[in-house]
Amino acid sequence: MKLSRRGFLASTGAAVAMRAAPQIASKTGGRRVLTLVYDKGLGMMRAVERVVR
């Protein structure tokens, strides 16, 4: 798999956000919603998790 600089930054950012999400959700007490989106930069699907109050 060939990663561009943009793809590398996107995947690294997603990994960091995934590690921080449980800590943020436990502090706010919100509900977590997981959505699959197509990332054109990576050329594949990726999971996006967000906290909903």
Protein backbone atom coordinates (compact mmCIF):
# COMPACT_ATOMS: atom_id res chain seq x y z
CA MET A 1 0.00 0.00 0.00
CA LYS A 2 1.37 3.36 -1.02
CA LEU A 3 0.63 6.23 1.37
CA SER A 4 0.98 9.86 0.40
CA ARG A 5 1.85 12.50 2.95
CA ARG A 6 -1.80 13.54 3.12
CA GLY A 7 -2.94 9.94 3.63
CA PHE A 8 -0.36 9.37 6.34
CA LEU A 9 -1.45 12.48 8.23
CA ALA A 10 -5.12 11.50 7.92
CA SER A 11 -4.54 7.98 9.22
CA THR A 12 -2.33 9.22 12.06
CA GLY A 13 -4.94 11.81 13.05
CA ALA A 14 -7.66 9.16 13.02
CA ALA A 15 -5.58 6.88 15.24
CA VAL A 16 -4.94 9.66 17.76
CA ALA A 17 -8.62 10.63 17.80
CA MET A 18 -9.62 7.02 18.33
CA ARG A 19 -7.41 6.78 21.42
CA ALA A 20 -8.73 10.07 22.86
CA ALA A 21 -12.44 9.40 22.17
CA PRO A 22 -13.12 7.05 25.13
CA GLN A 23 -11.57 9.54 27.56
CA ILE A 24 -13.62 12.43 26.15
CA ALA A 25 -16.84 10.40 26.15
CA SER A 26 -16.40 9.31 29.75
CA LYS A 27 -15.89 12.93 30.85
CA THR A 28 -18.87 14.37 29.00
CA GLY A 29 -21.20 11.43 29.53
CA GLY A 30 -22.46 11.62 25.96
CA ARG A 31 -23.39 8.86 23.56
CA ARG A 32 -20.83 7.79 20.96
CA VAL A 33 -21.92 7.39 17.34
CA LEU A 34 -19.74 5.47 14.90
CA THR A 35 -20.07 6.32 11.19
CA LEU A 36 -18.29 4.83 8.21
CA VAL A 37 -17.16 7.35 5.59
CA TYR A 38 -15.21 7.05 2.34
CA ASP A 39 -11.91 8.92 2.55
CA LYS A 40 -10.76 9.93 -0.94
CA GLY A 41 -7.25 10.72 0.34
CA LEU A 42 -6.78 7.18 1.65
CA GLY A 43 -8.89 5.57 -1.05
CA MET A 44 -10.84 3.44 1.43
CA MET A 45 -13.50 3.50 4.10
CA ARG A 46 -12.69 4.67 7.61
CA ALA A 47 -14.59 4.93 10.87
CA VAL A 48 -15.43 8.32 12.36
CA GLU A 49 -16.58 8.40 15.95
CA ARG A 50 -18.34 11.42 17.44
CA VAL A 51 -19.88 12.17 20.82
CA VAL A 52 -23.54 13.19 20.93
CA ARG A 53 -25.10 14.66 24.05
